[in-house]
């Protein structure tokens, strides 16, 4: 089995076959185990010494104060989405809500983190 990946380290797909196939000429691929999946793995060091690694969990301990949600210690570059609004993290995310309620917060981890979501009650 092989993982086909892009310059950013995203695994595009997993395939079985002969890597000498002409359709793979010039493409980036690595041998992999059957447990490798694009949602749980990525390719690190794509330009120097590519290696398949398991994606890390996004550790998130949300803090709610009134109508404000604080998500501390979110890795830089993680996309935080609530409804149709999203921001890209630079270590900490603060979201102010207009209406109390229960919201689903999606965290898109980019290449090296697993996507996850959590439910928060505001207000």
PDB file of N, CA and C in Angstrom:
ATOM      1  N   UNK A   1       0.851  -1.182   0.000  1.00  0.00           N
ATOM      2  CA  UNK A   1       0.000   0.000   0.000  1.00  0.00           C
ATOM      3  C   UNK A   1       0.888   1.233   0.000  1.00  0.00           C
ATOM      4  N   UNK A   2       0.344   2.290  -0.607  1.00  0.00           N
ATOM      5  CA  UNK A   2       1.084   3.541  -0.716  1.00  0.00           C
ATOM      6  C   UNK A   2       0.167   4.712  -0.412  1.00  0.00           C
ATOM      7  N   UNK A   3       0.747   5.772   0.158  1.00  0.00           N
ATOM      8  CA  UNK A   3       0.033   7.016   0.414  1.00  0.00           C
ATOM      9  C   UNK A   3       0.527   8.057  -0.586  1.00  0.00           C
ATOM     10  N   UNK A   4      -0.407   8.632  -1.320  1.00  0.00           N
ATOM     11  CA  UNK A   4      -0.090   9.715  -2.254  1.00  0.00           C
ATOM     12  C   UNK A   4      -0.340  11.022  -1.505  1.00  0.00           C
ATOM     13  N   UNK A   5       0.633  11.948  -1.525  1.00  0.00           N
ATOM     14  CA  UNK A   5       0.518  13.165  -0.716  1.00  0.00           C
ATOM     15  C   UNK A   5       0.935  14.394  -1.515  1.00  0.00           C
ATOM     16  N   UNK A   6       0.538  15.578  -1.000  1.00  0.00           N
ATOM     17  CA  UNK A   6       0.907  16.834  -1.653  1.00  0.00           C
ATOM     18  C   UNK A   6       2.064  17.502  -0.911  1.00  0.00           C
ATOM     19  N   UNK A   7       2.490  18.672  -1.397  1.00  0.00           N
ATOM     20  CA  UNK A   7       3.629  19.379  -0.813  1.00  0.00           C
ATOM     21  C   UNK A   7       3.396  19.823   0.633  1.00  0.00           C
ATOM     22  N   UNK A   8       2.121  19.980   1.018  1.00  0.00           N
ATOM     23  CA  UNK A   8       1.804  20.398   2.390  1.00  0.00           C
ATOM     24  C   UNK A   8       1.814  19.252   3.382  1.00  0.00           C
ATOM     25  N   UNK A   9       1.798  18.017   2.869  1.00  0.00           N
ATOM     26  CA  UNK A   9       1.776  16.851   3.737  1.00  0.00           C
ATOM     27  C   UNK A   9       0.417  16.188   3.838  1.00  0.00           C
ATOM     28  N   UNK A  10      -0.597  16.760   3.164  1.00  0.00           N
ATOM     29  CA  UNK A  10      -1.913  16.135   3.144  1.00  0.00           C
ATOM     30  C   UNK A  10      -1.838  14.822   2.384  1.00  0.00           C
ATOM     31  N   UNK A  11      -2.378  13.764   2.973  1.00  0.00           N
ATOM     32  CA  UNK A  11      -2.492  12.500   2.245  1.00  0.00           C
ATOM     33  C   UNK A  11      -3.738  12.599   1.381  1.00  0.00           C
ATOM     34  N   UNK A  12      -3.548  12.493   0.080  1.00  0.00           N
ATOM     35  CA  UNK A  12      -4.648  12.660  -0.863  1.00  0.00           C
ATOM     36  C   UNK A  12      -5.450  11.379  -1.032  1.00  0.00           C
ATOM     37  N   UNK A  13      -4.768  10.248  -1.100  1.00  0.00           N
ATOM     38  CA  UNK A  13      -5.442   8.962  -1.152  1.00  0.00           C
ATOM     39  C   UNK A  13      -4.439   7.850  -0.895  1.00  0.00           C
ATOM     40  N   UNK A  14      -4.978   6.671  -0.567  1.00  0.00           N
ATOM     41  CA  UNK A  14      -4.193   5.461  -0.327  1.00  0.00           C
ATOM     42  C   UNK A  14      -4.494   4.511  -1.486  1.00  0.00           C
ATOM     43  N   UNK A  15      -3.473   3.833  -1.984  1.00  0.00           N
ATOM     44  CA  UNK A  15      -3.710   2.902  -3.089  1.00  0.00           C
ATOM     45  C   UNK A  15      -2.823   1.674  -2.976  1.00  0.00           C
ATOM     46  N   UNK A  16      -3.266   0.621  -3.623  1.00  0.00           N
ATOM     47  CA  UNK A  16      -2.478  -0.600  -3.749  1.00  0.00           C
ATOM     48  C   UNK A  16      -2.059  -0.692  -5.206  1.00  0.00           C
ATOM     49  N   UNK A  17      -0.860  -1.109  -5.446  1.00  0.00           N
ATOM     50  CA  UNK A  17      -0.426  -1.257  -6.827  1.00  0.00           C
ATOM     51  C   UNK A  17       1.076  -1.201  -6.959  1.00  0.00           C
ATOM     52  N   UNK A  18       1.486  -1.167  -8.180  1.00  0.00           N
ATOM     53  CA  UNK A  18       2.905  -1.139  -8.523  1.00  0.00           C
ATOM     54  C   UNK A  18       3.336   0.316  -8.695  1.00  0.00           C
ATOM     55  N   UNK A  19       4.292   0.765  -7.892  1.00  0.00           N
ATOM     56  CA  UNK A  19       4.719   2.160  -7.976  1.00  0.00           C
ATOM     57  C   UNK A  19       5.518   2.446  -9.245  1.00  0.00           C
ATOM     58  N   UNK A  20       5.813   1.439 -10.005  1.00  0.00           N
ATOM     59  CA  UNK A  20       6.519   1.655 -11.269  1.00  0.00           C
ATOM     60  C   UNK A  20       5.544   1.996 -12.395  1.00  0.00           C
ATOM     61  N   UNK A  21       4.266   2.023 -12.072  1.00  0.00           N
ATOM     62  CA  UNK A  21       3.227   2.383 -13.031  1.00  0.00           C
ATOM     63  C   UNK A  21       3.506   3.793 -13.557  1.00  0.00           C
ATOM     64  N   UNK A  22       3.429   4.006 -14.849  1.00  0.00           N
ATOM     65  CA  UNK A  22       3.728   5.305 -15.453  1.00  0.00           C
ATOM     66  C   UNK A  22       2.845   6.435 -14.931  1.00  0.00           C
ATOM     67  N   UNK A  23       1.637   6.122 -14.487  1.00  0.00           N
ATOM     68  CA  UNK A  23       0.739   7.169 -14.004  1.00  0.00           C
ATOM     69  C   UNK A  23       1.252   7.803 -12.715  1.00  0.00           C
ATOM     70  N   UNK A  24       2.215   7.164 -12.049  1.00  0.00           N
ATOM     71  CA  UNK A  24       2.768   7.706 -10.810  1.00  0.00           C
ATOM     72  C   UNK A  24       4.039   8.501 -11.039  1.00  0.00           C
ATOM     73  N   UNK A  25       4.488   8.567 -12.263  1.00  0.00           N
ATOM     74  CA  UNK A  25       5.738   9.247 -12.584  1.00  0.00           C
ATOM     75  C   UNK A  25       5.697  10.707 -12.118  1.00  0.00           C
ATOM     76  N   UNK A  26       6.623  11.083 -11.274  1.00  0.00           N
ATOM     77  CA  UNK A  26       6.699  12.455 -10.794  1.00  0.00           C
ATOM     78  C   UNK A  26       5.801  12.772  -9.617  1.00  0.00           C
ATOM     79  N   UNK A  27       4.990  11.822  -9.178  1.00  0.00           N
ATOM     80  CA  UNK A  27       4.093  12.065  -8.049  1.00  0.00           C
ATOM     81  C   UNK A  27       4.791  11.710  -6.741  1.00  0.00           C
ATOM     82  N   UNK A  28       4.246  12.216  -5.619  1.00  0.00           N
ATOM     83  CA  UNK A  28       4.829  11.954  -4.312  1.00  0.00           C
ATOM     84  C   UNK A  28       4.037  10.853  -3.614  1.00  0.00           C
ATOM     85  N   UNK A  29       4.681   9.774  -3.260  1.00  0.00           N
ATOM     86  CA  UNK A  29       4.034   8.670  -2.580  1.00  0.00           C
ATOM     87  C   UNK A  29       5.024   7.977  -1.658  1.00  0.00           C
ATOM     88  N   UNK A  30       4.484   7.341  -0.620  1.00  0.00           N
ATOM     89  CA  UNK A  30       5.290   6.596   0.353  1.00  0.00           C
ATOM     90  C   UNK A  30       4.621   5.259   0.634  1.00  0.00           C
ATOM     91  N   UNK A  31       5.403   4.230   0.882  1.00  0.00           N
ATOM     92  CA  UNK A  31       4.806   2.967   1.333  1.00  0.00           C
ATOM     93  C   UNK A  31       4.147   3.194   2.696  1.00  0.00           C
ATOM     94  N   UNK A  32       3.031   2.509   2.940  1.00  0.00           N
ATOM     95  CA  UNK A  32       2.338   2.683   4.224  1.00  0.00           C
ATOM     96  C   UNK A  32       1.655   1.395   4.645  1.00  0.00           C
ATOM     97  N   UNK A  33       1.276   1.353   5.920  1.00  0.00           N
ATOM     98  CA  UNK A  33       0.516   0.235   6.467  1.00  0.00           C
ATOM     99  C   UNK A  33      -0.953   0.409   6.139  1.00  0.00           C
ATOM    100  N   UNK A  34      -1.728  -0.653   6.310  1.00  0.00           N
ATOM    101  CA  UNK A  34      -3.151  -0.583   5.994  1.00  0.00           C
ATOM    102  C   UNK A  34      -3.942   0.285   6.974  1.00  0.00           C
ATOM    103  N   UNK A  35      -3.366   0.619   8.136  1.00  0.00           N
ATOM    104  CA  UNK A  35      -4.068   1.463   9.106  1.00  0.00           C
ATOM    105  C   UNK A  35      -3.912   2.957   8.822  1.00  0.00           C
ATOM    106  N   UNK A  36      -3.117   3.322   7.830  1.00  0.00           N
ATOM    107  CA  UNK A  36      -2.928   4.740   7.483  1.00  0.00           C
ATOM    108  C   UNK A  36      -4.165   5.247   6.758  1.00  0.00           C
ATOM    109  N   UNK A  37      -4.635   6.424   7.179  1.00  0.00           N
ATOM    110  CA  UNK A  37      -5.826   7.044   6.596  1.00  0.00           C
ATOM    111  C   UNK A  37      -5.592   8.551   6.549  1.00  0.00           C
ATOM    112  N   UNK A  38      -6.182   9.224   5.579  1.00  0.00           N
ATOM    113  CA  UNK A  38      -5.970  10.665   5.458  1.00  0.00           C
ATOM    114  C   UNK A  38      -6.566  11.464   6.616  1.00  0.00           C
ATOM    115  N   UNK A  39      -7.533  10.898   7.340  1.00  0.00           N
ATOM    116  CA  UNK A  39      -8.115  11.626   8.470  1.00  0.00           C
ATOM    117  C   UNK A  39      -7.287  11.468   9.748  1.00  0.00           C
ATOM    118  N   UNK A  40      -6.390  10.499   9.774  1.00  0.00           N
ATOM    119  CA  UNK A  40      -5.625  10.233  10.995  1.00  0.00           C
ATOM    120  C   UNK A  40      -4.112  10.349  10.811  1.00  0.00           C
ATOM    121  N   UNK A  41      -3.653  10.535   9.581  1.00  0.00           N
ATOM    122  CA  UNK A  41      -2.222  10.590   9.303  1.00  0.00           C
ATOM    123  C   UNK A  41      -1.894  11.708   8.320  1.00  0.00           C
ATOM    124  N   UNK A  42      -0.637  12.101   8.306  1.00  0.00           N
ATOM    125  CA  UNK A  42      -0.130  13.097   7.359  1.00  0.00           C
ATOM    126  C   UNK A  42       1.324  12.768   7.071  1.00  0.00           C
ATOM    127  N   UNK A  43       1.912  13.483   6.121  1.00  0.00           N
ATOM    128  CA  UNK A  43       3.313  13.275   5.797  1.00  0.00           C
ATOM    129  C   UNK A  43       4.102  14.483   6.289  1.00  0.00           C
ATOM    130  N   UNK A  44       5.057  14.235   7.174  1.00  0.00           N
ATOM    131  CA  UNK A  44       5.926  15.291   7.713  1.00  0.00           C
ATOM    132  C   UNK A  44       7.198  15.368   6.874  1.00  0.00           C
ATOM    133  N   UNK A  45       7.819  16.519   6.891  1.00  0.00           N
ATOM    134  CA  UNK A  45       9.107  16.735   6.215  1.00  0.00           C
ATOM    135  C   UNK A  45       9.040  16.356   4.734  1.00  0.00           C
ATOM    136  N   UNK A  46       8.026  16.877   4.043  1.00  0.00           N
ATOM    137  CA  UNK A  46       7.783  16.473   2.655  1.00  0.00           C
ATOM    138  C   UNK A  46       8.929  16.802   1.714  1.00  0.00           C
ATOM    139  N   UNK A  47       9.699  17.837   1.994  1.00  0.00           N
ATOM    140  CA  UNK A  47      10.757  18.263   1.087  1.00  0.00           C
ATOM    141  C   UNK A  47      12.105  17.610   1.366  1.00  0.00           C
ATOM    142  N   UNK A  48      12.340  17.172   2.602  1.00  0.00           N
ATOM    143  CA  UNK A  48      13.663  16.647   2.958  1.00  0.00           C
ATOM    144  C   UNK A  48      13.667  15.133   3.130  1.00  0.00           C
ATOM    145  N   UNK A  49      12.957  14.649   4.126  1.00  0.00           N
ATOM    146  CA  UNK A  49      12.942  13.223   4.420  1.00  0.00           C
ATOM    147  C   UNK A  49      11.512  12.832   4.807  1.00  0.00           C
ATOM    148  N   UNK A  50      10.619  12.678   3.811  1.00  0.00           N
ATOM    149  CA  UNK A  50       9.203  12.446   4.119  1.00  0.00           C
ATOM    150  C   UNK A  50       8.968  11.189   4.952  1.00  0.00           C
ATOM    151  N   UNK A  51       8.083  11.343   5.949  1.00  0.00           N
ATOM    152  CA  UNK A  51       7.721  10.230   6.818  1.00  0.00           C
ATOM    153  C   UNK A  51       6.244  10.383   7.203  1.00  0.00           C
ATOM    154  N   UNK A  52       5.533   9.276   7.272  1.00  0.00           N
ATOM    155  CA  UNK A  52       4.121   9.304   7.656  1.00  0.00           C
ATOM    156  C   UNK A  52       4.028   9.341   9.176  1.00  0.00           C
ATOM    157  N   UNK A  53       3.228  10.288   9.681  1.00  0.00           N
ATOM    158  CA  UNK A  53       3.034  10.436  11.125  1.00  0.00           C
ATOM    159  C   UNK A  53       1.532  10.456  11.433  1.00  0.00           C
ATOM    160  N   UNK A  54       1.214  10.077  12.663  1.00  0.00           N
ATOM    161  CA  UNK A  54      -0.171  10.149  13.102  1.00  0.00           C
ATOM    162  C   UNK A  54      -0.504  11.590  13.478  1.00  0.00           C
ATOM    163  N   UNK A  55      -1.697  12.046  13.082  1.00  0.00           N
ATOM    164  CA  UNK A  55      -2.129  13.395  13.436  1.00  0.00           C
ATOM    165  C   UNK A  55      -2.350  13.482  14.950  1.00  0.00           C
ATOM    166  N   UNK A  56      -2.093  14.662  15.501  1.00  0.00           N
ATOM    167  CA  UNK A  56      -2.257  14.899  16.937  1.00  0.00           C
ATOM    168  C   UNK A  56      -3.689  15.347  17.236  1.00  0.00           C
ATOM    169  N   UNK A  57      -4.132  15.081  18.454  1.00  0.00           N
ATOM    170  CA  UNK A  57      -5.432  15.564  18.919  1.00  0.00           C
ATOM    171  C   UNK A  57      -5.311  17.042  19.254  1.00  0.00           C
ATOM    172  N   UNK A  58      -6.369  17.796  19.025  1.00  0.00           N
ATOM    173  CA  UNK A  58      -6.410  19.199  19.447  1.00  0.00           C
ATOM    174  C   UNK A  58      -6.939  19.214  20.875  1.00  0.00           C
ATOM    175  N   UNK A  59      -6.090  19.610  21.802  1.00  0.00           N
ATOM    176  CA  UNK A  59      -6.499  19.695  23.206  1.00  0.00           C
ATOM    177  C   UNK A  59      -7.235  21.016  23.402  1.00  0.00           C
ATOM    178  N   UNK A  60      -8.463  20.932  23.877  1.00  0.00           N
ATOM    179  CA  UNK A  60      -9.264  22.145  24.012  1.00  0.00           C
ATOM    180  C   UNK A  60     -10.087  22.081  25.295  1.00  0.00           C
ATOM    181  N   UNK A  61      -9.904  23.076  26.144  1.00  0.00           N
ATOM    182  CA  UNK A  61     -10.655  23.176  27.388  1.00  0.00           C
ATOM    183  C   UNK A  61     -11.400  24.515  27.369  1.00  0.00           C
ATOM    184  N   UNK A  62     -12.601  24.542  26.752  1.00  0.00           N
ATOM    185  CA  UNK A  62     -13.308  25.816  26.580  1.00  0.00           C
ATOM    186  C   UNK A  62     -13.723  26.442  27.906  1.00  0.00           C
ATOM    187  N   UNK A  63     -13.693  27.776  27.922  1.00  0.00           N
ATOM    188  CA  UNK A  63     -14.126  28.544  29.090  1.00  0.00           C
ATOM    189  C   UNK A  63     -15.226  29.488  28.633  1.00  0.00           C
ATOM    190  N   UNK A  64     -16.368  29.452  29.331  1.00  0.00           N
ATOM    191  CA  UNK A  64     -17.501  30.314  28.997  1.00  0.00           C
ATOM    192  C   UNK A  64     -17.688  31.328  30.106  1.00  0.00           C
ATOM    193  N   UNK A  65     -17.845  32.594  29.718  1.00  0.00           N
ATOM    194  CA  UNK A  65     -18.130  33.671  30.659  1.00  0.00           C
ATOM    195  C   UNK A  65     -19.219  34.538  30.034  1.00  0.00           C
ATOM    196  N   UNK A  66     -20.439  34.387  30.540  1.00  0.00           N
ATOM    197  CA  UNK A  66     -21.557  35.124  29.951  1.00  0.00           C
ATOM    198  C   UNK A  66     -21.791  34.674  28.519  1.00  0.00           C
ATOM    199  N   UNK A  67     -21.668  35.622  27.575  1.00  0.00           N
ATOM    200  CA  UNK A  67     -21.852  35.310  26.153  1.00  0.00           C
ATOM    201  C   UNK A  67     -20.518  35.205  25.409  1.00  0.00           C
ATOM    202  N   UNK A  68     -19.434  35.030  26.169  1.00  0.00           N
ATOM    203  CA  UNK A  68     -18.104  34.943  25.561  1.00  0.00           C
ATOM    204  C   UNK A  68     -17.535  33.542  25.748  1.00  0.00           C
ATOM    205  N   UNK A  69     -16.965  33.022  24.669  1.00  0.00           N
ATOM    206  CA  UNK A  69     -16.308  31.715  24.690  1.00  0.00           C
ATOM    207  C   UNK A  69     -14.823  31.918  24.459  1.00  0.00           C
ATOM    208  N   UNK A  70     -14.017  31.378  25.361  1.00  0.00           N
ATOM    209  CA  UNK A  70     -12.568  31.417  25.234  1.00  0.00           C
ATOM    210  C   UNK A  70     -12.068  30.002  24.980  1.00  0.00           C
ATOM    211  N   UNK A  71     -11.287  29.853  23.906  1.00  0.00           N
ATOM    212  CA  UNK A  71     -10.637  28.581  23.593  1.00  0.00           C
ATOM    213  C   UNK A  71      -9.138  28.817  23.699  1.00  0.00           C
ATOM    214  N   UNK A  72      -8.547  28.510  24.863  1.00  0.00           N
ATOM    215  CA  UNK A  72      -7.113  28.757  25.043  1.00  0.00           C
ATOM    216  C   UNK A  72      -6.264  27.648  24.430  1.00  0.00           C
ATOM    217  N   UNK A  73      -5.044  27.973  24.125  1.00  0.00           N
ATOM    218  CA  UNK A  73      -4.043  27.004  23.678  1.00  0.00           C
ATOM    219  C   UNK A  73      -4.431  26.218  22.429  1.00  0.00           C
ATOM    220  N   UNK A  74      -5.133  26.851  21.512  1.00  0.00           N
ATOM    221  CA  UNK A  74      -5.451  26.216  20.231  1.00  0.00           C
ATOM    222  C   UNK A  74      -4.221  26.391  19.335  1.00  0.00           C
ATOM    223  N   UNK A  75      -3.738  25.312  18.732  1.00  0.00           N
ATOM    224  CA  UNK A  75      -2.545  25.434  17.878  1.00  0.00           C
ATOM    225  C   UNK A  75      -2.734  26.461  16.761  1.00  0.00           C
ATOM    226  N   UNK A  76      -1.682  27.157  16.442  1.00  0.00           N
ATOM    227  CA  UNK A  76      -1.721  28.164  15.389  1.00  0.00           C
ATOM    228  C   UNK A  76      -2.140  27.526  14.069  1.00  0.00           C
ATOM    229  N   UNK A  77      -3.026  28.207  13.363  1.00  0.00           N
ATOM    230  CA  UNK A  77      -3.469  27.745  12.050  1.00  0.00           C
ATOM    231  C   UNK A  77      -4.707  26.875  12.068  1.00  0.00           C
ATOM    232  N   UNK A  78      -5.204  26.505  13.253  1.00  0.00           N
ATOM    233  CA  UNK A  78      -6.422  25.705  13.330  1.00  0.00           C
ATOM    234  C   UNK A  78      -7.618  26.603  13.023  1.00  0.00           C
ATOM    235  N   UNK A  79      -8.499  26.126  12.150  1.00  0.00           N
ATOM    236  CA  UNK A  79      -9.709  26.872  11.806  1.00  0.00           C
ATOM    237  C   UNK A  79     -10.800  26.530  12.809  1.00  0.00           C
ATOM    238  N   UNK A  80     -11.349  27.565  13.458  1.00  0.00           N
ATOM    239  CA  UNK A  80     -12.425  27.407  14.434  1.00  0.00           C
ATOM    240  C   UNK A  80     -13.697  27.930  13.782  1.00  0.00           C
ATOM    241  N   UNK A  81     -14.727  27.073  13.710  1.00  0.00           N
ATOM    242  CA  UNK A  81     -15.964  27.442  13.014  1.00  0.00           C
ATOM    243  C   UNK A  81     -17.169  27.223  13.919  1.00  0.00           C
ATOM    244  N   UNK A  82     -18.037  28.257  13.968  1.00  0.00           N
ATOM    245  CA  UNK A  82     -19.323  28.176  14.645  1.00  0.00           C
ATOM    246  C   UNK A  82     -20.356  28.718  13.673  1.00  0.00           C
ATOM    247  N   UNK A  83     -21.353  27.900  13.356  1.00  0.00           N
ATOM    248  CA  UNK A  83     -22.353  28.258  12.348  1.00  0.00           C
ATOM    249  C   UNK A  83     -21.627  28.615  11.046  1.00  0.00           C
ATOM    250  N   UNK A  84     -21.842  29.816  10.531  1.00  0.00           N
ATOM    251  CA  UNK A  84     -21.195  30.217   9.279  1.00  0.00           C
ATOM    252  C   UNK A  84     -20.009  31.155   9.497  1.00  0.00           C
ATOM    253  N   UNK A  85     -19.537  31.247  10.731  1.00  0.00           N
ATOM    254  CA  UNK A  85     -18.437  32.152  11.052  1.00  0.00           C
ATOM    255  C   UNK A  85     -17.207  31.312  11.410  1.00  0.00           C
ATOM    256  N   UNK A  86     -16.051  31.724  10.879  1.00  0.00           N
ATOM    257  CA  UNK A  86     -14.838  31.011  11.259  1.00  0.00           C
ATOM    258  C   UNK A  86     -13.681  31.991  11.423  1.00  0.00           C
ATOM    259  N   UNK A  87     -12.737  31.577  12.274  1.00  0.00           N
ATOM    260  CA  UNK A  87     -11.500  32.323  12.482  1.00  0.00           C
ATOM    261  C   UNK A  87     -10.357  31.320  12.453  1.00  0.00           C
ATOM    262  N   UNK A  88      -9.170  31.811  12.179  1.00  0.00           N
ATOM    263  CA  UNK A  88      -7.978  30.970  12.208  1.00  0.00           C
ATOM    264  C   UNK A  88      -7.200  31.320  13.461  1.00  0.00           C
ATOM    265  N   UNK A  89      -6.881  30.305  14.249  1.00  0.00           N
ATOM    266  CA  UNK A  89      -6.252  30.495  15.552  1.00  0.00           C
ATOM    267  C   UNK A  89      -4.815  30.996  15.441  1.00  0.00           C
ATOM    268  N   UNK A  90      -4.464  31.823  16.421  1.00  0.00           N
ATOM    269  CA  UNK A  90      -3.070  32.226  16.601  1.00  0.00           C
ATOM    270  C   UNK A  90      -2.669  31.964  18.055  1.00  0.00           C
ATOM    271  N   UNK A  91      -3.205  30.915  18.653  1.00  0.00           N
ATOM    272  CA  UNK A  91      -2.909  30.423  20.004  1.00  0.00           C
ATOM    273  C   UNK A  91      -4.132  30.484  20.915  1.00  0.00           C
ATOM    274  N   UNK A  92      -4.969  31.491  20.772  1.00  0.00           N
ATOM    275  CA  UNK A  92      -6.145  31.624  21.627  1.00  0.00           C
ATOM    276  C   UNK A  92      -7.267  32.204  20.775  1.00  0.00           C
ATOM    277  N   UNK A  93      -8.478  31.702  20.979  1.00  0.00           N
ATOM    278  CA  UNK A  93      -9.628  32.201  20.220  1.00  0.00           C
ATOM    279  C   UNK A  93     -10.679  32.681  21.211  1.00  0.00           C
ATOM    280  N   UNK A  94     -11.174  33.903  20.981  1.00  0.00           N
ATOM    281  CA  UNK A  94     -12.253  34.468  21.791  1.00  0.00           C
ATOM    282  C   UNK A  94     -13.421  34.748  20.860  1.00  0.00           C
ATOM    283  N   UNK A  95     -14.579  34.175  21.187  1.00  0.00           N
ATOM    284  CA  UNK A  95     -15.783  34.366  20.377  1.00  0.00           C
ATOM    285  C   UNK A  95     -16.870  34.982  21.239  1.00  0.00           C
ATOM    286  N   UNK A  96     -17.470  36.047  20.742  1.00  0.00           N
ATOM    287  CA  UNK A  96     -18.581  36.703  21.431  1.00  0.00           C
ATOM    288  C   UNK A  96     -19.879  36.355  20.720  1.00  0.00           C
ATOM    289  N   UNK A  97     -20.865  35.898  21.482  1.00  0.00           N
ATOM    290  CA  UNK A  97     -22.157  35.495  20.945  1.00  0.00           C
ATOM    291  C   UNK A  97     -23.208  36.550  21.273  1.00  0.00           C
ATOM    292  N   UNK A  98     -24.228  36.649  20.446  1.00  0.00           N
ATOM    293  CA  UNK A  98     -25.334  37.586  20.661  1.00  0.00           C
ATOM    294  C   UNK A  98     -26.495  36.918  21.397  1.00  0.00           C
ATOM    295  N   UNK A  99     -26.642  35.603  21.185  1.00  0.00           N
ATOM    296  CA  UNK A  99     -27.798  34.883  21.710  1.00  0.00           C
ATOM    297  C   UNK A  99     -27.328  33.670  22.523  1.00  0.00           C
ATOM    298  N   UNK A 100     -27.847  33.513  23.754  1.00  0.00           N
ATOM    299  CA  UNK A 100     -27.506  32.327  24.532  1.00  0.00           C
ATOM    300  C   UNK A 100     -28.002  31.064  23.821  1.00  0.00           C
ATOM    301  N   UNK A 101     -27.328  29.969  24.054  1.00  0.00           N
ATOM    302  CA  UNK A 101     -27.758  28.709  23.453  1.00  0.00           C
ATOM    303  C   UNK A 101     -26.637  27.693  23.448  1.00  0.00           C
ATOM    304  N   UNK A 102     -26.909  26.550  22.842  1.00  0.00           N
ATOM    305  CA  UNK A 102     -25.917  25.499  22.702  1.00  0.00           C
ATOM    306  C   UNK A 102     -25.423  25.495  21.269  1.00  0.00           C
ATOM    307  N   UNK A 103     -24.116  25.542  21.117  1.00  0.00           N
ATOM    308  CA  UNK A 103     -23.496  25.657  19.795  1.00  0.00           C
ATOM    309  C   UNK A 103     -22.479  24.542  19.572  1.00  0.00           C
ATOM    310  N   UNK A 104     -22.356  24.116  18.316  1.00  0.00           N
ATOM    311  CA  UNK A 104     -21.307  23.171  17.929  1.00  0.00           C
ATOM    312  C   UNK A 104     -20.139  23.976  17.396  1.00  0.00           C
ATOM    313  N   UNK A 105     -18.963  23.736  17.963  1.00  0.00           N
ATOM    314  CA  UNK A 105     -17.726  24.395  17.551  1.00  0.00           C
ATOM    315  C   UNK A 105     -16.878  23.355  16.828  1.00  0.00           C
ATOM    316  N   UNK A 106     -16.550  23.617  15.575  1.00  0.00           N
ATOM    317  CA  UNK A 106     -15.715  22.703  14.791  1.00  0.00           C
ATOM    318  C   UNK A 106     -14.289  23.224  14.749  1.00  0.00           C
ATOM    319  N   UNK A 107     -13.351  22.321  14.958  1.00  0.00           N
ATOM    320  CA  UNK A 107     -11.931  22.663  14.906  1.00  0.00           C
ATOM    321  C   UNK A 107     -11.311  21.859  13.768  1.00  0.00           C
ATOM    322  N   UNK A 108     -10.904  22.557  12.722  1.00  0.00           N
ATOM    323  CA  UNK A 108     -10.262  21.909  11.571  1.00  0.00           C
ATOM    324  C   UNK A 108      -8.767  22.065  11.742  1.00  0.00           C
ATOM    325  N   UNK A 109      -8.102  20.922  11.912  1.00  0.00           N
ATOM    326  CA  UNK A 109      -6.722  20.916  12.343  1.00  0.00           C
ATOM    327  C   UNK A 109      -5.637  21.118  11.327  1.00  0.00           C
ATOM    328  N   UNK A 110      -5.978  21.358  10.079  1.00  0.00           N
ATOM    329  CA  UNK A 110      -4.911  21.478   9.104  1.00  0.00           C
ATOM    330  C   UNK A 110      -4.241  20.145   8.874  1.00  0.00           C
ATOM    331  N   UNK A 111      -2.986  20.159   8.540  1.00  0.00           N
ATOM    332  CA  UNK A 111      -2.284  18.933   8.157  1.00  0.00           C
ATOM    333  C   UNK A 111      -1.972  18.033   9.344  1.00  0.00           C
ATOM    334  N   UNK A 112      -1.460  18.573  10.426  1.00  0.00           N
ATOM    335  CA  UNK A 112      -0.909  17.727  11.486  1.00  0.00           C
ATOM    336  C   UNK A 112      -1.847  17.472  12.672  1.00  0.00           C
ATOM    337  N   UNK A 113      -3.070  18.009  12.632  1.00  0.00           N
ATOM    338  CA  UNK A 113      -4.020  17.790  13.729  1.00  0.00           C
ATOM    339  C   UNK A 113      -5.305  17.165  13.209  1.00  0.00           C
ATOM    340  N   UNK A 114      -5.918  16.310  14.034  1.00  0.00           N
ATOM    341  CA  UNK A 114      -7.198  15.699  13.686  1.00  0.00           C
ATOM    342  C   UNK A 114      -8.307  16.739  13.810  1.00  0.00           C
ATOM    343  N   UNK A 115      -9.231  16.725  12.878  1.00  0.00           N
ATOM    344  CA  UNK A 115     -10.411  17.566  12.982  1.00  0.00           C
ATOM    345  C   UNK A 115     -11.279  17.046  14.127  1.00  0.00           C
ATOM    346  N   UNK A 116     -11.910  17.963  14.836  1.00  0.00           N
ATOM    347  CA  UNK A 116     -12.776  17.564  15.949  1.00  0.00           C
ATOM    348  C   UNK A 116     -13.862  18.608  16.122  1.00  0.00           C
ATOM    349  N   UNK A 117     -14.827  18.314  16.944  1.00  0.00           N
ATOM    350  CA  UNK A 117     -15.859  19.302  17.267  1.00  0.00           C
ATOM    351  C   UNK A 117     -16.270  19.116  18.719  1.00  0.00           C
ATOM    352  N   UNK A 118     -16.846  20.170  19.269  1.00  0.00           N
ATOM    353  CA  UNK A 118     -17.322  20.118  20.638  1.00  0.00           C
ATOM    354  C   UNK A 118     -18.586  20.938  20.731  1.00  0.00           C
ATOM    355  N   UNK A 119     -19.364  20.677  21.754  1.00  0.00           N
ATOM    356  CA  UNK A 119     -20.603  21.389  21.981  1.00  0.00           C
ATOM    357  C   UNK A 119     -20.431  22.264  23.204  1.00  0.00           C
ATOM    358  N   UNK A 120     -20.818  23.540  23.095  1.00  0.00           N
ATOM    359  CA  UNK A 120     -20.713  24.456  24.229  1.00  0.00           C
ATOM    360  C   UNK A 120     -22.050  25.136  24.463  1.00  0.00           C
ATOM    361  N   UNK A 121     -22.341  25.395  25.728  1.00  0.00           N
ATOM    362  CA  UNK A 121     -23.551  26.135  26.083  1.00  0.00           C
ATOM    363  C   UNK A 121     -23.132  27.523  26.521  1.00  0.00           C
ATOM    364  N   UNK A 122     -23.706  28.516  25.863  1.00  0.00           N
ATOM    365  CA  UNK A 122     -23.357  29.927  26.107  1.00  0.00           C
ATOM    366  C   UNK A 122     -24.521  30.593  26.823  1.00  0.00           C
ATOM    367  N   UNK A 123     -24.178  31.408  27.842  1.00  0.00           N
ATOM    368  CA  UNK A 123     -25.179  32.213  28.524  1.00  0.00           C
ATOM    369  C   UNK A 123     -25.960  31.513  29.577  1.00  0.00           C
TER     370      UNK A 123
END
